[in-house]
Amino acid sequence: MLGRLGALTTLSLLAPPAVTTTWVSKSVNKENWYKLSVTYPKFSSTPLANLANNAISTAALTELNDVKKSAGTTQPRVPSELLWKTTVGTATPNLISAYANIYEFEGGAHGISV
């Protein structure tokens, strides 16, 4: 029995370190034109984390810039809005899973949750 316990203890010591997550928030507001906000994770540096960081930040910032550009050069009757919030499901050295809840309004009867 003691041999099994020793083996389990050794295995737990060999487990890879946990991936840490910090949060990045960016907001761009121009009164009566747009109110844009994105929040996304940044994972500690591992090859997989770097790949996830690049994919998630690129998607969030591209959406922010696209909505900002779509506001045009003429002040809209109703300001555009973007609210991007990311949820992390799993963050391990071998698997990172996240999804974004996106609310976008660029005029019309109501906003669209994507």
Protein backbone atom coordinates (compact mmCIF):
# COMPACT_ATOMS: atom_id res chain seq x y z
CA MET A 1 0.00 0.00 0.00
CA LEU A 2 2.78 2.41 0.85
CA GLY A 3 4.33 1.77 -2.58
CA ARG A 4 1.15 2.89 -4.33
CA LEU A 5 0.90 6.06 -2.25
CA GLY A 6 4.53 6.86 -3.07
CA ALA A 7 3.82 6.43 -6.80
CA LEU A 8 0.81 8.73 -6.62
CA THR A 9 2.79 11.38 -4.80
CA THR A 10 5.52 11.21 -7.44
CA LEU A 11 3.01 11.58 -10.26
CA SER A 12 1.41 14.66 -8.70
CA LEU A 13 4.83 16.28 -8.42
CA LEU A 14 5.40 15.73 -12.14
CA ALA A 15 2.18 17.49 -13.17
CA PRO A 16 2.77 20.51 -15.42
CA PRO A 17 2.38 23.94 -13.83
CA ALA A 18 -1.01 25.58 -14.03
CA VAL A 19 -1.68 28.22 -16.67
CA THR A 20 -2.38 31.60 -15.08
CA THR A 21 -4.89 34.01 -16.54
CA THR A 22 -4.94 37.79 -16.38
CA TRP A 23 -7.59 39.99 -17.98
CA VAL A 24 -7.21 42.74 -20.56
CA SER A 25 -9.94 45.39 -20.94
CA LYS A 26 -10.05 48.01 -23.67
CA SER A 27 -12.71 50.66 -24.06
CA VAL A 28 -13.14 53.26 -26.78
CA ASN A 29 -15.86 55.85 -26.36
CA LYS A 30 -16.83 58.85 -28.42
CA GLU A 31 -19.87 60.59 -26.98
CA ASN A 32 -22.96 60.25 -29.18
CA TRP A 33 -20.98 58.13 -31.69
CA TYR A 34 -19.99 54.83 -30.07
CA LYS A 35 -19.32 53.02 -26.81
CA LEU A 36 -17.09 50.00 -27.33
CA SER A 37 -15.67 47.62 -24.74
CA VAL A 38 -13.80 44.31 -25.02
CA THR A 39 -12.53 42.11 -22.19
CA TYR A 40 -10.44 39.06 -22.95
CA PRO A 41 -7.94 36.78 -21.17
CA LYS A 42 -4.18 36.69 -21.46
CA PHE A 43 -2.65 33.36 -20.48
CA SER A 44 0.84 32.77 -19.06
CA SER A 45 3.53 32.08 -21.62
CA THR A 46 3.51 28.59 -23.05
CA PRO A 47 3.43 27.82 -26.77
CA LEU A 48 -0.30 26.99 -26.57
CA ALA A 49 -1.01 30.07 -24.44
CA ASN A 50 0.77 32.30 -26.95
CA LEU A 51 -1.34 30.85 -29.76
CA ALA A 52 -4.56 31.35 -27.77
CA ASN A 53 -3.55 34.88 -26.73
CA ASN A 54 -2.95 35.86 -30.35
CA ALA A 55 -6.21 34.35 -31.64
CA ILE A 56 -8.42 35.81 -28.90
CA SER A 57 -6.89 39.29 -28.80
CA THR A 58 -6.90 39.55 -32.61
CA ALA A 59 -10.59 38.62 -32.78
CA ALA A 60 -11.61 41.03 -30.00
CA LEU A 61 -9.59 43.99 -31.26
CA THR A 62 -10.62 43.41 -34.89
CA GLU A 63 -14.27 43.52 -33.86
CA LEU A 64 -13.67 46.70 -31.82
CA ASN A 65 -11.97 48.40 -34.78
CA ASP A 66 -14.62 47.21 -37.27
CA VAL A 67 -17.47 48.66 -35.20
CA LYS A 68 -15.51 51.88 -34.70
CA LYS A 69 -14.93 52.19 -38.46
CA SER A 70 -18.59 51.44 -39.22
CA ALA A 71 -19.61 54.51 -37.21
CA GLY A 72 -18.48 56.48 -40.27
CA THR A 73 -17.78 60.17 -40.56
CA THR A 74 -21.33 61.40 -40.00
CA GLN A 75 -22.66 61.37 -36.46
CA PRO A 76 -25.30 58.62 -36.15
CA ARG A 77 -28.77 59.23 -34.74
CA VAL A 78 -28.12 56.46 -32.21
CA PRO A 79 -24.62 55.59 -30.94
CA SER A 80 -23.13 52.18 -31.79
CA GLU A 81 -22.33 49.79 -28.97
CA LEU A 82 -20.07 46.77 -28.59
CA LEU A 83 -19.73 44.68 -25.45
CA TRP A 84 -17.36 41.70 -25.77
CA LYS A 85 -16.81 39.50 -22.71
CA THR A 86 -14.77 36.33 -22.83
CA THR A 87 -15.31 33.32 -20.56
CA VAL A 88 -12.56 30.78 -19.98
CA GLY A 89 -13.76 27.20 -19.72
CA THR A 90 -10.40 25.47 -19.29
CA ALA A 91 -6.81 26.70 -19.16
CA THR A 92 -4.18 23.98 -18.83
CA PRO A 93 -0.80 23.62 -20.52
CA ASN A 94 -2.38 21.18 -23.01
CA LEU A 95 -5.87 22.65 -23.49
CA ILE A 96 -7.27 26.17 -23.51
CA SER A 97 -10.97 26.66 -24.09
CA ALA A 98 -12.74 30.02 -24.16
CA TYR A 99 -15.76 31.64 -25.76
CA ALA A 100 -16.92 35.22 -26.24
CA ASN A 101 -20.34 36.64 -25.52
CA ILE A 102 -20.76 39.58 -27.89
CA TYR A 103 -23.47 42.24 -27.88
CA GLU A 104 -23.40 44.62 -30.82
CA PHE A 105 -25.73 47.49 -31.71
CA GLU A 106 -25.27 49.59 -34.84
CA GLY A 107 -28.77 51.01 -35.21
CA GLY A 108 -32.10 49.39 -35.90
CA ALA A 109 -34.82 48.10 -33.64
CA HIS A 110 -32.57 46.22 -31.20
CA GLY A 111 -29.06 44.91 -30.68
CA ILE A 112 -27.77 41.53 -31.72
CA SER A 113 -26.15 39.02 -29.38
CA VAL A 114 -23.73 36.91 -31.37
